Structure formats: C-alpha cells, structure tokens
PDB file of N, CA and C in Angstrom:
ATOM      1  N   UNK A   1      -4.766 -12.490 -12.098  1.00  0.00           N
ATOM      2  CA  UNK A   1      -5.191 -12.553 -10.716  1.00  0.00           C
ATOM      3  C   UNK A   1      -4.117 -11.912  -9.842  1.00  0.00           C
ATOM      4  N   UNK A   2      -4.254 -10.618  -9.603  1.00  0.00           N
ATOM      5  CA  UNK A   2      -3.287  -9.895  -8.777  1.00  0.00           C
ATOM      6  C   UNK A   2      -3.608 -10.125  -7.312  1.00  0.00           C
ATOM      7  N   UNK A   3      -2.590 -10.225  -6.504  1.00  0.00           N
ATOM      8  CA  UNK A   3      -2.828 -10.435  -5.083  1.00  0.00           C
ATOM      9  C   UNK A   3      -1.932  -9.545  -4.251  1.00  0.00           C
ATOM     10  N   UNK A   4      -2.404  -9.209  -3.067  1.00  0.00           N
ATOM     11  CA  UNK A   4      -1.582  -8.453  -2.136  1.00  0.00           C
ATOM     12  C   UNK A   4      -1.668  -9.144  -0.794  1.00  0.00           C
ATOM     13  N   UNK A   5      -0.622  -8.964  -0.004  1.00  0.00           N
ATOM     14  CA  UNK A   5      -0.608  -9.586   1.304  1.00  0.00           C
ATOM     15  C   UNK A   5      -0.028  -8.611   2.302  1.00  0.00           C
ATOM     16  N   UNK A   6      -0.692  -8.487   3.426  1.00  0.00           N
ATOM     17  CA  UNK A   6      -0.158  -7.700   4.521  1.00  0.00           C
ATOM     18  C   UNK A   6       0.157  -8.704   5.619  1.00  0.00           C
ATOM     19  N   UNK A   7       0.429  -8.211   6.772  1.00  0.00           N
ATOM     20  CA  UNK A   7       0.682  -9.111   7.898  1.00  0.00           C
ATOM     21  C   UNK A   7      -0.617  -9.764   8.366  1.00  0.00           C
ATOM     22  N   UNK A   8      -1.759  -9.112   8.078  1.00  0.00           N
ATOM     23  CA  UNK A   8      -3.020  -9.564   8.660  1.00  0.00           C
ATOM     24  C   UNK A   8      -4.048 -10.103   7.664  1.00  0.00           C
ATOM     25  N   UNK A   9      -3.984  -9.652   6.423  1.00  0.00           N
ATOM     26  CA  UNK A   9      -4.934 -10.158   5.434  1.00  0.00           C
ATOM     27  C   UNK A   9      -4.204 -10.557   4.156  1.00  0.00           C
ATOM     28  N   UNK A  10      -4.853 -11.430   3.404  1.00  0.00           N
ATOM     29  CA  UNK A  10      -4.383 -11.810   2.078  1.00  0.00           C
ATOM     30  C   UNK A  10      -5.535 -11.492   1.140  1.00  0.00           C
ATOM     31  N   UNK A  11      -5.249 -10.765   0.055  1.00  0.00           N
ATOM     32  CA  UNK A  11      -6.345 -10.456  -0.866  1.00  0.00           C
ATOM     33  C   UNK A  11      -5.925 -10.739  -2.294  1.00  0.00           C
ATOM     34  N   UNK A  12      -6.910 -11.133  -3.085  1.00  0.00           N
ATOM     35  CA  UNK A  12      -6.667 -11.326  -4.503  1.00  0.00           C
ATOM     36  C   UNK A  12      -7.914 -10.951  -5.274  1.00  0.00           C
ATOM     37  N   UNK A  13      -7.691 -10.388  -6.446  1.00  0.00           N
ATOM     38  CA  UNK A  13      -8.787 -10.018  -7.338  1.00  0.00           C
ATOM     39  C   UNK A  13      -9.055 -11.200  -8.258  1.00  0.00           C
ATOM     40  N   UNK A  14     -10.320 -11.568  -8.355  1.00  0.00           N
ATOM     41  CA  UNK A  14     -10.678 -12.668  -9.232  1.00  0.00           C
ATOM     42  C   UNK A  14     -12.060 -12.411  -9.809  1.00  0.00           C
ATOM     43  N   UNK A  15     -12.118 -12.199 -11.114  1.00  0.00           N
ATOM     44  CA  UNK A  15     -13.407 -11.985 -11.774  1.00  0.00           C
ATOM     45  C   UNK A  15     -14.158 -10.781 -11.247  1.00  0.00           C
ATOM     46  N   UNK A  16     -13.428  -9.704 -10.900  1.00  0.00           N
ATOM     47  CA  UNK A  16     -14.076  -8.502 -10.393  1.00  0.00           C
ATOM     48  C   UNK A  16     -14.430  -8.549  -8.916  1.00  0.00           C
ATOM     49  N   UNK A  17     -14.066  -9.635  -8.250  1.00  0.00           N
ATOM     50  CA  UNK A  17     -14.349  -9.784  -6.813  1.00  0.00           C
ATOM     51  C   UNK A  17     -13.028  -9.772  -6.048  1.00  0.00           C
ATOM     52  N   UNK A  18     -12.976  -8.948  -5.000  1.00  0.00           N
ATOM     53  CA  UNK A  18     -11.816  -8.944  -4.100  1.00  0.00           C
ATOM     54  C   UNK A  18     -12.046 -10.023  -3.052  1.00  0.00           C
ATOM     55  N   UNK A  19     -11.236 -11.066  -3.118  1.00  0.00           N
ATOM     56  CA  UNK A  19     -11.332 -12.169  -2.150  1.00  0.00           C
ATOM     57  C   UNK A  19     -10.323 -11.897  -1.043  1.00  0.00           C
ATOM     58  N   UNK A  20     -10.816 -11.763   0.178  1.00  0.00           N
ATOM     59  CA  UNK A  20      -9.966 -11.388   1.307  1.00  0.00           C
ATOM     60  C   UNK A  20     -10.002 -12.494   2.360  1.00  0.00           C
ATOM     61  N   UNK A  21      -8.818 -12.951   2.747  1.00  0.00           N
ATOM     62  CA  UNK A  21      -8.697 -13.945   3.804  1.00  0.00           C
ATOM     63  C   UNK A  21      -7.896 -13.360   4.955  1.00  0.00           C
ATOM     64  N   UNK A  22      -8.021 -13.972   6.095  1.00  0.00           N
ATOM     65  CA  UNK A  22      -7.355 -13.481   7.303  1.00  0.00           C
ATOM     66  C   UNK A  22      -6.194 -14.399   7.665  1.00  0.00           C
ATOM     67  N   UNK A  23      -5.061 -13.804   8.035  1.00  0.00           N
ATOM     68  CA  UNK A  23      -3.861 -14.557   8.361  1.00  0.00           C
ATOM     69  C   UNK A  23      -3.961 -15.126   9.773  1.00  0.00           C
ATOM     70  N   UNK A  24      -4.403 -14.313  10.723  1.00  0.00           N
ATOM     71  CA  UNK A  24      -4.448 -14.739  12.131  1.00  0.00           C
ATOM     72  C   UNK A  24      -5.695 -15.559  12.432  1.00  0.00           C
ATOM     73  N   UNK A  25      -5.528 -16.546  13.299  1.00  0.00           N
ATOM     74  CA  UNK A  25      -6.668 -17.345  13.756  1.00  0.00           C
ATOM     75  C   UNK A  25      -7.533 -16.554  14.744  1.00  0.00           C
ATOM     76  N   UNK A  26      -6.891 -15.626  15.440  1.00  0.00           N
ATOM     77  CA  UNK A  26      -7.581 -14.836  16.446  1.00  0.00           C
ATOM     78  C   UNK A  26      -7.555 -13.367  16.060  1.00  0.00           C
ATOM     79  N   UNK A  27      -8.729 -12.789  15.855  1.00  0.00           N
ATOM     80  CA  UNK A  27      -8.825 -11.369  15.528  1.00  0.00           C
ATOM     81  C   UNK A  27      -9.411 -10.692  16.769  1.00  0.00           C
ATOM     82  N   UNK A  28      -8.502 -10.348  17.685  1.00  0.00           N
ATOM     83  CA  UNK A  28      -8.912  -9.886  19.007  1.00  0.00           C
ATOM     84  C   UNK A  28      -8.307  -8.546  19.394  1.00  0.00           C
ATOM     85  N   UNK A  29      -7.082  -8.268  18.950  1.00  0.00           N
ATOM     86  CA  UNK A  29      -6.380  -7.065  19.392  1.00  0.00           C
ATOM     87  C   UNK A  29      -6.857  -5.832  18.643  1.00  0.00           C
ATOM     88  N   UNK A  30      -7.051  -4.760  19.377  1.00  0.00           N
ATOM     89  CA  UNK A  30      -7.561  -3.503  18.809  1.00  0.00           C
ATOM     90  C   UNK A  30      -6.698  -2.991  17.654  1.00  0.00           C
ATOM     91  N   UNK A  31      -5.385  -3.014  17.824  1.00  0.00           N
ATOM     92  CA  UNK A  31      -4.492  -2.508  16.772  1.00  0.00           C
ATOM     93  C   UNK A  31      -4.605  -3.339  15.501  1.00  0.00           C
ATOM     94  N   UNK A  32      -4.689  -4.646  15.654  1.00  0.00           N
ATOM     95  CA  UNK A  32      -4.822  -5.537  14.496  1.00  0.00           C
ATOM     96  C   UNK A  32      -6.159  -5.305  13.794  1.00  0.00           C
ATOM     97  N   UNK A  33      -7.215  -5.153  14.562  1.00  0.00           N
ATOM     98  CA  UNK A  33      -8.541  -4.915  13.992  1.00  0.00           C
ATOM     99  C   UNK A  33      -8.558  -3.595  13.224  1.00  0.00           C
ATOM    100  N   UNK A  34      -7.921  -2.570  13.787  1.00  0.00           N
ATOM    101  CA  UNK A  34      -7.828  -1.267  13.122  1.00  0.00           C
ATOM    102  C   UNK A  34      -7.084  -1.401  11.792  1.00  0.00           C
ATOM    103  N   UNK A  35      -5.971  -2.139  11.808  1.00  0.00           N
ATOM    104  CA  UNK A  35      -5.177  -2.321  10.589  1.00  0.00           C
ATOM    105  C   UNK A  35      -5.973  -3.082   9.531  1.00  0.00           C
ATOM    106  N   UNK A  36      -6.680  -4.133   9.934  1.00  0.00           N
ATOM    107  CA  UNK A  36      -7.514  -4.884   8.993  1.00  0.00           C
ATOM    108  C   UNK A  36      -8.559  -3.957   8.386  1.00  0.00           C
ATOM    109  N   UNK A  37      -9.216  -3.151   9.233  1.00  0.00           N
ATOM    110  CA  UNK A  37     -10.222  -2.208   8.754  1.00  0.00           C
ATOM    111  C   UNK A  37      -9.649  -1.231   7.742  1.00  0.00           C
ATOM    112  N   UNK A  38      -8.458  -0.711   8.027  1.00  0.00           N
ATOM    113  CA  UNK A  38      -7.804   0.250   7.121  1.00  0.00           C
ATOM    114  C   UNK A  38      -7.448  -0.405   5.785  1.00  0.00           C
ATOM    115  N   UNK A  39      -6.928  -1.629   5.843  1.00  0.00           N
ATOM    116  CA  UNK A  39      -6.522  -2.312   4.617  1.00  0.00           C
ATOM    117  C   UNK A  39      -7.729  -2.671   3.755  1.00  0.00           C
ATOM    118  N   UNK A  40      -8.803  -3.124   4.392  1.00  0.00           N
ATOM    119  CA  UNK A  40     -10.013  -3.450   3.633  1.00  0.00           C
ATOM    120  C   UNK A  40     -10.625  -2.170   3.069  1.00  0.00           C
ATOM    121  N   UNK A  41     -10.604  -1.071   3.841  1.00  0.00           N
ATOM    122  CA  UNK A  41     -11.123   0.215   3.356  1.00  0.00           C
ATOM    123  C   UNK A  41     -10.360   0.660   2.107  1.00  0.00           C
ATOM    124  N   UNK A  42      -9.049   0.451   2.089  1.00  0.00           N
ATOM    125  CA  UNK A  42      -8.242   0.821   0.924  1.00  0.00           C
ATOM    126  C   UNK A  42      -8.657   0.014  -0.301  1.00  0.00           C
ATOM    127  N   UNK A  43      -8.973  -1.261  -0.101  1.00  0.00           N
ATOM    128  CA  UNK A  43      -9.446  -2.108  -1.210  1.00  0.00           C
ATOM    129  C   UNK A  43     -10.797  -1.597  -1.709  1.00  0.00           C
ATOM    130  N   UNK A  44     -11.686  -1.242  -0.789  1.00  0.00           N
ATOM    131  CA  UNK A  44     -13.013  -0.732  -1.150  1.00  0.00           C
ATOM    132  C   UNK A  44     -12.869   0.544  -1.971  1.00  0.00           C
ATOM    133  N   UNK A  45     -11.984   1.435  -1.550  1.00  0.00           N
ATOM    134  CA  UNK A  45     -11.844   2.741  -2.198  1.00  0.00           C
ATOM    135  C   UNK A  45     -11.236   2.669  -3.596  1.00  0.00           C
ATOM    136  N   UNK A  46     -10.644   1.540  -3.946  1.00  0.00           N
ATOM    137  CA  UNK A  46     -10.076   1.388  -5.294  1.00  0.00           C
ATOM    138  C   UNK A  46     -11.144   1.083  -6.342  1.00  0.00           C
ATOM    139  N   UNK A  47     -12.382   0.858  -5.912  1.00  0.00           N
ATOM    140  CA  UNK A  47     -13.427   0.442  -6.846  1.00  0.00           C
ATOM    141  C   UNK A  47     -14.665   1.315  -6.691  1.00  0.00           C
ATOM    142  N   UNK A  48     -15.370   1.544  -7.808  1.00  0.00           N
ATOM    143  CA  UNK A  48     -16.596   2.335  -7.726  1.00  0.00           C
ATOM    144  C   UNK A  48     -17.744   1.511  -7.157  1.00  0.00           C
ATOM    145  N   UNK A  49     -17.841   0.246  -7.486  1.00  0.00           N
ATOM    146  CA  UNK A  49     -18.867  -0.634  -6.922  1.00  0.00           C
ATOM    147  C   UNK A  49     -18.165  -1.923  -6.482  1.00  0.00           C
ATOM    148  N   UNK A  50     -17.494  -1.866  -5.325  1.00  0.00           N
ATOM    149  CA  UNK A  50     -16.661  -3.000  -4.914  1.00  0.00           C
ATOM    150  C   UNK A  50     -17.470  -4.260  -4.625  1.00  0.00           C
ATOM    151  N   UNK A  51     -16.892  -5.384  -4.971  1.00  0.00           N
ATOM    152  CA  UNK A  51     -17.448  -6.688  -4.618  1.00  0.00           C
ATOM    153  C   UNK A  51     -16.405  -7.358  -3.730  1.00  0.00           C
ATOM    154  N   UNK A  52     -16.772  -7.546  -2.468  1.00  0.00           N
ATOM    155  CA  UNK A  52     -15.840  -8.111  -1.494  1.00  0.00           C
ATOM    156  C   UNK A  52     -16.349  -9.434  -0.960  1.00  0.00           C
ATOM    157  N   UNK A  53     -15.444 -10.392  -0.876  1.00  0.00           N
ATOM    158  CA  UNK A  53     -15.732 -11.671  -0.246  1.00  0.00           C
ATOM    159  C   UNK A  53     -14.741 -11.840   0.897  1.00  0.00           C
ATOM    160  N   UNK A  54     -15.249 -11.821   2.129  1.00  0.00           N
ATOM    161  CA  UNK A  54     -14.401 -12.020   3.309  1.00  0.00           C
ATOM    162  C   UNK A  54     -14.493 -13.482   3.714  1.00  0.00           C
ATOM    163  N   UNK A  55     -13.359 -14.172   3.630  1.00  0.00           N
ATOM    164  CA  UNK A  55     -13.311 -15.598   3.927  1.00  0.00           C
ATOM    165  C   UNK A  55     -12.719 -15.797   5.323  1.00  0.00           C
ATOM    166  N   UNK A  56     -13.525 -16.365   6.218  1.00  0.00           N
ATOM    167  CA  UNK A  56     -13.124 -16.548   7.618  1.00  0.00           C
ATOM    168  C   UNK A  56     -12.625 -17.962   7.903  1.00  0.00           C
ATOM    169  N   UNK A  57     -12.175 -18.659   6.871  1.00  0.00           N
ATOM    170  CA  UNK A  57     -11.773 -20.057   6.996  1.00  0.00           C
ATOM    171  C   UNK A  57     -10.772 -20.301   8.119  1.00  0.00           C
ATOM    172  N   UNK A  58      -9.777 -19.434   8.280  1.00  0.00           N
ATOM    173  CA  UNK A  58      -8.730 -19.639   9.287  1.00  0.00           C
ATOM    174  C   UNK A  58      -9.075 -19.077  10.656  1.00  0.00           C
ATOM    175  N   UNK A  59     -10.189 -18.339  10.761  1.00  0.00           N
ATOM    176  CA  UNK A  59     -10.469 -17.588  11.983  1.00  0.00           C
ATOM    177  C   UNK A  59     -11.203 -18.450  13.017  1.00  0.00           C
ATOM    178  N   UNK A  60     -10.645 -18.471  14.232  1.00  0.00           N
ATOM    179  CA  UNK A  60     -11.251 -19.233  15.328  1.00  0.00           C
ATOM    180  C   UNK A  60     -11.911 -18.335  16.370  1.00  0.00           C
ATOM    181  N   UNK A  61     -11.386 -17.109  16.524  1.00  0.00           N
ATOM    182  CA  UNK A  61     -11.930 -16.181  17.520  1.00  0.00           C
ATOM    183  C   UNK A  61     -12.016 -14.783  16.927  1.00  0.00           C
ATOM    184  N   UNK A  62     -13.120 -14.102  17.268  1.00  0.00           N
ATOM    185  CA  UNK A  62     -13.385 -12.765  16.752  1.00  0.00           C
ATOM    186  C   UNK A  62     -13.906 -11.929  17.910  1.00  0.00           C
ATOM    187  N   UNK A  63     -13.346 -10.751  18.126  1.00  0.00           N
ATOM    188  CA  UNK A  63     -13.808  -9.905  19.232  1.00  0.00           C
ATOM    189  C   UNK A  63     -15.013  -9.073  18.795  1.00  0.00           C
ATOM    190  N   UNK A  64     -15.667  -8.463  19.759  1.00  0.00           N
ATOM    191  CA  UNK A  64     -16.799  -7.584  19.437  1.00  0.00           C
ATOM    192  C   UNK A  64     -16.324  -6.372  18.645  1.00  0.00           C
ATOM    193  N   UNK A  65     -15.089  -5.917  18.894  1.00  0.00           N
ATOM    194  CA  UNK A  65     -14.540  -4.800  18.115  1.00  0.00           C
ATOM    195  C   UNK A  65     -14.394  -5.203  16.651  1.00  0.00           C
ATOM    196  N   UNK A  66     -14.039  -6.460  16.393  1.00  0.00           N
ATOM    197  CA  UNK A  66     -13.939  -6.946  15.015  1.00  0.00           C
ATOM    198  C   UNK A  66     -15.313  -6.930  14.351  1.00  0.00           C
ATOM    199  N   UNK A  67     -16.348  -7.272  15.103  1.00  0.00           N
ATOM    200  CA  UNK A  67     -17.712  -7.214  14.556  1.00  0.00           C
ATOM    201  C   UNK A  67     -18.066  -5.782  14.183  1.00  0.00           C
ATOM    202  N   UNK A  68     -17.669  -4.836  15.023  1.00  0.00           N
ATOM    203  CA  UNK A  68     -17.903  -3.423  14.723  1.00  0.00           C
ATOM    204  C   UNK A  68     -17.208  -3.000  13.439  1.00  0.00           C
ATOM    205  N   UNK A  69     -15.986  -3.488  13.244  1.00  0.00           N
ATOM    206  CA  UNK A  69     -15.248  -3.182  12.018  1.00  0.00           C
ATOM    207  C   UNK A  69     -15.957  -3.783  10.805  1.00  0.00           C
ATOM    208  N   UNK A  70     -16.515  -4.976  10.958  1.00  0.00           N
ATOM    209  CA  UNK A  70     -17.265  -5.592   9.851  1.00  0.00           C
ATOM    210  C   UNK A  70     -18.472  -4.734   9.468  1.00  0.00           C
ATOM    211  N   UNK A  71     -19.140  -4.169  10.460  1.00  0.00           N
ATOM    212  CA  UNK A  71     -20.290  -3.297  10.189  1.00  0.00           C
ATOM    213  C   UNK A  71     -19.820  -2.053   9.422  1.00  0.00           C
ATOM    214  N   UNK A  72     -18.692  -1.481   9.839  1.00  0.00           N
ATOM    215  CA  UNK A  72     -18.134  -0.311   9.146  1.00  0.00           C
ATOM    216  C   UNK A  72     -17.786  -0.661   7.706  1.00  0.00           C
ATOM    217  N   UNK A  73     -17.160  -1.817   7.503  1.00  0.00           N
ATOM    218  CA  UNK A  73     -16.812  -2.270   6.149  1.00  0.00           C
ATOM    219  C   UNK A  73     -18.078  -2.413   5.318  1.00  0.00           C
ATOM    220  N   UNK A  74     -19.101  -3.017   5.890  1.00  0.00           N
ATOM    221  CA  UNK A  74     -20.378  -3.192   5.187  1.00  0.00           C
ATOM    222  C   UNK A  74     -20.957  -1.839   4.767  1.00  0.00           C
ATOM    223  N   UNK A  75     -20.916  -0.868   5.667  1.00  0.00           N
ATOM    224  CA  UNK A  75     -21.444   0.469   5.349  1.00  0.00           C
ATOM    225  C   UNK A  75     -20.661   1.122   4.221  1.00  0.00           C
ATOM    226  N   UNK A  76     -19.327   0.993   4.248  1.00  0.00           N
ATOM    227  CA  UNK A  76     -18.494   1.583   3.192  1.00  0.00           C
ATOM    228  C   UNK A  76     -18.790   0.938   1.834  1.00  0.00           C
ATOM    229  N   UNK A  77     -18.967  -0.372   1.824  1.00  0.00           N
ATOM    230  CA  UNK A  77     -19.274  -1.086   0.576  1.00  0.00           C
ATOM    231  C   UNK A  77     -20.617  -0.607   0.035  1.00  0.00           C
ATOM    232  N   UNK A  78     -21.606  -0.506   0.919  1.00  0.00           N
ATOM    233  CA  UNK A  78     -22.946  -0.080   0.494  1.00  0.00           C
ATOM    234  C   UNK A  78     -22.948   1.360  -0.017  1.00  0.00           C
ATOM    235  N   UNK A  79     -22.173   2.249   0.632  1.00  0.00           N
ATOM    236  CA  UNK A  79     -22.087   3.647   0.197  1.00  0.00           C
ATOM    237  C   UNK A  79     -21.567   3.752  -1.229  1.00  0.00           C
ATOM    238  N   UNK A  80     -20.739   2.813  -1.632  1.00  0.00           N
ATOM    239  CA  UNK A  80     -20.166   2.825  -2.975  1.00  0.00           C
ATOM    240  C   UNK A  80     -20.963   1.942  -3.940  1.00  0.00           C
ATOM    241  N   UNK A  81     -22.134   1.477  -3.518  1.00  0.00           N
ATOM    242  CA  UNK A  81     -22.978   0.655  -4.383  1.00  0.00           C
ATOM    243  C   UNK A  81     -22.426  -0.734  -4.615  1.00  0.00           C
ATOM    244  N   UNK A  82     -21.635  -1.225  -3.664  1.00  0.00           N
ATOM    245  CA  UNK A  82     -21.005  -2.533  -3.819  1.00  0.00           C
ATOM    246  C   UNK A  82     -21.747  -3.650  -3.118  1.00  0.00           C
ATOM    247  N   UNK A  83     -21.100  -4.804  -3.083  1.00  0.00           N
ATOM    248  CA  UNK A  83     -21.673  -5.992  -2.463  1.00  0.00           C
ATOM    249  C   UNK A  83     -20.627  -6.641  -1.560  1.00  0.00           C
ATOM    250  N   UNK A  84     -21.085  -7.145  -0.421  1.00  0.00           N
ATOM    251  CA  UNK A  84     -20.205  -7.803   0.543  1.00  0.00           C
ATOM    252  C   UNK A  84     -20.779  -9.167   0.882  1.00  0.00           C
ATOM    253  N   UNK A  85     -19.924 -10.185   0.874  1.00  0.00           N
ATOM    254  CA  UNK A  85     -20.319 -11.524   1.283  1.00  0.00           C
ATOM    255  C   UNK A  85     -19.295 -12.030   2.294  1.00  0.00           C
ATOM    256  N   UNK A  86     -19.759 -12.839   3.251  1.00  0.00           N
ATOM    257  CA  UNK A  86     -18.897 -13.486   4.227  1.00  0.00           C
ATOM    258  C   UNK A  86     -19.044 -14.988   4.021  1.00  0.00           C
ATOM    259  N   UNK A  87     -17.959 -15.733   4.207  1.00  0.00           N
ATOM    260  CA  UNK A  87     -18.067 -17.190   4.061  1.00  0.00           C
ATOM    261  C   UNK A  87     -17.122 -17.908   5.019  1.00  0.00           C
ATOM    262  N   UNK A  88     -17.369 -19.206   5.142  1.00  0.00           N
ATOM    263  CA  UNK A  88     -16.520 -20.123   5.921  1.00  0.00           C
ATOM    264  C   UNK A  88     -16.356 -19.675   7.368  1.00  0.00           C
ATOM    265  N   UNK A  89     -17.468 -19.262   7.978  1.00  0.00           N
ATOM    266  CA  UNK A  89     -17.421 -18.812   9.377  1.00  0.00           C
ATOM    267  C   UNK A  89     -17.581 -20.017  10.299  1.00  0.00           C
ATOM    268  N   UNK A  90     -16.692 -20.130  11.262  1.00  0.00           N
ATOM    269  CA  UNK A  90     -16.726 -21.186  12.269  1.00  0.00           C
ATOM    270  C   UNK A  90     -18.099 -21.187  12.955  1.00  0.00           C
ATOM    271  N   UNK A  91     -18.668 -22.373  13.217  1.00  0.00           N
ATOM    272  CA  UNK A  91     -20.008 -22.433  13.842  1.00  0.00           C
ATOM    273  C   UNK A  91     -20.126 -21.646  15.156  1.00  0.00           C
ATOM    274  N   UNK A  92     -19.074 -21.648  15.965  1.00  0.00           N
ATOM    275  CA  UNK A  92     -19.125 -20.900  17.233  1.00  0.00           C
ATOM    276  C   UNK A  92     -19.165 -19.401  16.975  1.00  0.00           C
ATOM    277  N   UNK A  93     -18.418 -18.936  15.981  1.00  0.00           N
ATOM    278  CA  UNK A  93     -18.443 -17.512  15.634  1.00  0.00           C
ATOM    279  C   UNK A  93     -19.793 -17.175  15.011  1.00  0.00           C
ATOM    280  N   UNK A  94     -20.314 -18.067  14.176  1.00  0.00           N
ATOM    281  CA  UNK A  94     -21.614 -17.817  13.541  1.00  0.00           C
ATOM    282  C   UNK A  94     -22.702 -17.643  14.604  1.00  0.00           C
ATOM    283  N   UNK A  95     -22.586 -18.379  15.695  1.00  0.00           N
ATOM    284  CA  UNK A  95     -23.548 -18.271  16.792  1.00  0.00           C
ATOM    285  C   UNK A  95     -23.590 -16.833  17.326  1.00  0.00           C
ATOM    286  N   UNK A  96     -22.432 -16.173  17.385  1.00  0.00           N
ATOM    287  CA  UNK A  96     -22.369 -14.777  17.827  1.00  0.00           C
ATOM    288  C   UNK A  96     -23.107 -13.886  16.823  1.00  0.00           C
ATOM    289  N   UNK A  97     -22.952 -14.164  15.526  1.00  0.00           N
ATOM    290  CA  UNK A  97     -23.674 -13.411  14.501  1.00  0.00           C
ATOM    291  C   UNK A  97     -25.181 -13.567  14.703  1.00  0.00           C
ATOM    292  N   UNK A  98     -25.630 -14.772  15.059  1.00  0.00           N
ATOM    293  CA  UNK A  98     -27.065 -15.018  15.279  1.00  0.00           C
ATOM    294  C   UNK A  98     -27.544 -14.257  16.521  1.00  0.00           C
ATOM    295  N   UNK A  99     -26.794 -14.365  17.621  1.00  0.00           N
ATOM    296  CA  UNK A  99     -27.179 -13.706  18.876  1.00  0.00           C
ATOM    297  C   UNK A  99     -27.279 -12.195  18.698  1.00  0.00           C
ATOM    298  N   UNK A 100     -26.337 -11.624  17.938  1.00  0.00           N
ATOM    299  CA  UNK A 100     -26.311 -10.172  17.728  1.00  0.00           C
ATOM    300  C   UNK A 100     -27.175  -9.738  16.532  1.00  0.00           C
ATOM    301  N   UNK A 101     -27.796 -10.730  15.898  1.00  0.00           N
ATOM    302  CA  UNK A 101     -28.632 -10.515  14.706  1.00  0.00           C
ATOM    303  C   UNK A 101     -27.852  -9.981  13.504  1.00  0.00           C
ATOM    304  N   UNK A 102     -26.534 -10.103  13.551  1.00  0.00           N
ATOM    305  CA  UNK A 102     -25.712  -9.677  12.416  1.00  0.00           C
ATOM    306  C   UNK A 102     -25.847 -10.641  11.232  1.00  0.00           C
ATOM    307  N   UNK A 103     -26.366 -11.834  11.502  1.00  0.00           N
ATOM    308  CA  UNK A 103     -26.616 -12.765  10.398  1.00  0.00           C
ATOM    309  C   UNK A 103     -27.711 -12.223   9.477  1.00  0.00           C
ATOM    310  N   UNK A 104     -28.506 -11.258   9.974  1.00  0.00           N
ATOM    311  CA  UNK A 104     -29.527 -10.613   9.148  1.00  0.00           C
ATOM    312  C   UNK A 104     -28.924  -9.465   8.320  1.00  0.00           C
ATOM    313  N   UNK A 105     -27.855  -8.850   8.834  1.00  0.00           N
ATOM    314  CA  UNK A 105     -27.197  -7.737   8.155  1.00  0.00           C
ATOM    315  C   UNK A 105     -26.299  -8.214   7.019  1.00  0.00           C
ATOM    316  N   UNK A 106     -25.573  -9.302   7.274  1.00  0.00           N
ATOM    317  CA  UNK A 106     -24.599  -9.802   6.303  1.00  0.00           C
ATOM    318  C   UNK A 106     -25.142 -10.991   5.528  1.00  0.00           C
ATOM    319  N   UNK A 107     -24.698 -11.116   4.283  1.00  0.00           N
ATOM    320  CA  UNK A 107     -24.959 -12.344   3.535  1.00  0.00           C
ATOM    321  C   UNK A 107     -23.820 -13.291   3.864  1.00  0.00           C
ATOM    322  N   UNK A 108     -24.151 -14.365   4.587  1.00  0.00           N
ATOM    323  CA  UNK A 108     -23.142 -15.317   5.039  1.00  0.00           C
ATOM    324  C   UNK A 108     -23.402 -16.650   4.342  1.00  0.00           C
ATOM    325  N   UNK A 109     -22.364 -17.152   3.675  1.00  0.00           N
ATOM    326  CA  UNK A 109     -22.498 -18.407   2.949  1.00  0.00           C
ATOM    327  C   UNK A 109     -21.467 -19.413   3.438  1.00  0.00           C
ATOM    328  N   UNK A 110     -21.740 -20.693   3.166  1.00  0.00           N
ATOM    329  CA  UNK A 110     -20.865 -21.752   3.673  1.00  0.00           C
ATOM    330  C   UNK A 110     -19.488 -21.747   3.045  1.00  0.00           C
ATOM    331  N   UNK A 111     -19.436 -21.682   1.705  1.00  0.00           N
ATOM    332  CA  UNK A 111     -18.156 -21.822   1.015  1.00  0.00           C
ATOM    333  C   UNK A 111     -17.873 -20.600   0.139  1.00  0.00           C
ATOM    334  N   UNK A 112     -16.607 -20.391  -0.218  1.00  0.00           N
ATOM    335  CA  UNK A 112     -16.290 -19.295  -1.140  1.00  0.00           C
ATOM    336  C   UNK A 112     -17.024 -19.452  -2.476  1.00  0.00           C
ATOM    337  N   UNK A 113     -17.158 -20.687  -2.939  1.00  0.00           N
ATOM    338  CA  UNK A 113     -17.843 -20.930  -4.203  1.00  0.00           C
ATOM    339  C   UNK A 113     -19.316 -20.504  -4.126  1.00  0.00           C
ATOM    340  N   UNK A 114     -19.963 -20.872  -3.013  1.00  0.00           N
ATOM    341  CA  UNK A 114     -21.360 -20.462  -2.799  1.00  0.00           C
ATOM    342  C   UNK A 114     -21.470 -18.940  -2.807  1.00  0.00           C
ATOM    343  N   UNK A 115     -20.529 -18.288  -2.118  1.00  0.00           N
ATOM    344  CA  UNK A 115     -20.550 -16.820  -2.020  1.00  0.00           C
ATOM    345  C   UNK A 115     -20.313 -16.172  -3.379  1.00  0.00           C
ATOM    346  N   UNK A 116     -19.329 -16.666  -4.108  1.00  0.00           N
ATOM    347  CA  UNK A 116     -19.028 -16.091  -5.430  1.00  0.00           C
ATOM    348  C   UNK A 116     -20.237 -16.172  -6.368  1.00  0.00           C
ATOM    349  N   UNK A 117     -21.006 -17.241  -6.232  1.00  0.00           N
ATOM    350  CA  UNK A 117     -22.172 -17.426  -7.110  1.00  0.00           C
ATOM    351  C   UNK A 117     -23.274 -16.401  -6.861  1.00  0.00           C
ATOM    352  N   UNK A 118     -23.217 -15.703  -5.705  1.00  0.00           N
ATOM    353  CA  UNK A 118     -24.284 -14.746  -5.373  1.00  0.00           C
ATOM    354  C   UNK A 118     -24.003 -13.325  -5.853  1.00  0.00           C
ATOM    355  N   UNK A 119     -22.795 -13.054  -6.334  1.00  0.00           N
ATOM    356  CA  UNK A 119     -22.490 -11.706  -6.811  1.00  0.00           C
ATOM    357  C   UNK A 119     -23.192 -11.448  -8.123  1.00  0.00           C
ATOM    358  N   UNK A 120     -23.724 -10.228  -8.269  1.00  0.00           N
ATOM    359  CA  UNK A 120     -24.422  -9.860  -9.502  1.00  0.00           C
ATOM    360  C   UNK A 120     -23.506  -9.036 -10.383  1.00  0.00           C
TER     361      UNK A 120
END
C-alpha cells in the first residue's frame, strides 16, 4: 500500500483504487484548488483505467471553483475509461451537489467501504 502526501491531499493505492483524502477543511482558495486538480490529474495519468475514491471526510467547505475541478477530474477519469467515486460528504456540502444536480453526475456514497464495494 504505497502512499503519497502533498500539502493538500493524501493518497494511497489499495487494491487498484487510488484513495484520495483532503488535508484542509476548507477548499476555497483558487491556488489550492488548482494544486489539488494538478495532483489528482497526475494520479489519473499514471493509470490506463484509473479507479479514484475521493474522500471528503475532513472537508467542511467547498467553493464553486472546487466543484468545477471535480467535474474536470470526472471528465479525465472517464476519458481514460476509469471510475470515480465520492464519499463522506458533509450534509451541507451534499445539499450543494443536489441543488447543482451534480449528485446525478457523480456516484456519491456514505462511507469509503460503501464506495470501494462499487468499483468493478
């Protein structure tokens, strides 16, 4: 189980799935969002059919720019024939996903275990 850590994300490979967690409780600043996007893109590019699990357990606030980055990440994963799951999203943040209908775009599950069980 190899893992890498940056200032903004923590990732580890487990059973062919890249499990990615966020260090900051607030993902609001443009520079931080850009860095997260770049780091996740690098993880995606290391695999032909990436399986990514983004765990939002520590996240309390997410900006609209962060949502845009999530859409970009989703597109990159799909272009490579991969799968993306989101889990442990705070109820207030999940409400934003519902309002923006992003809950229809992403597979969002309650726990990491639930999410891991959905990978094919």
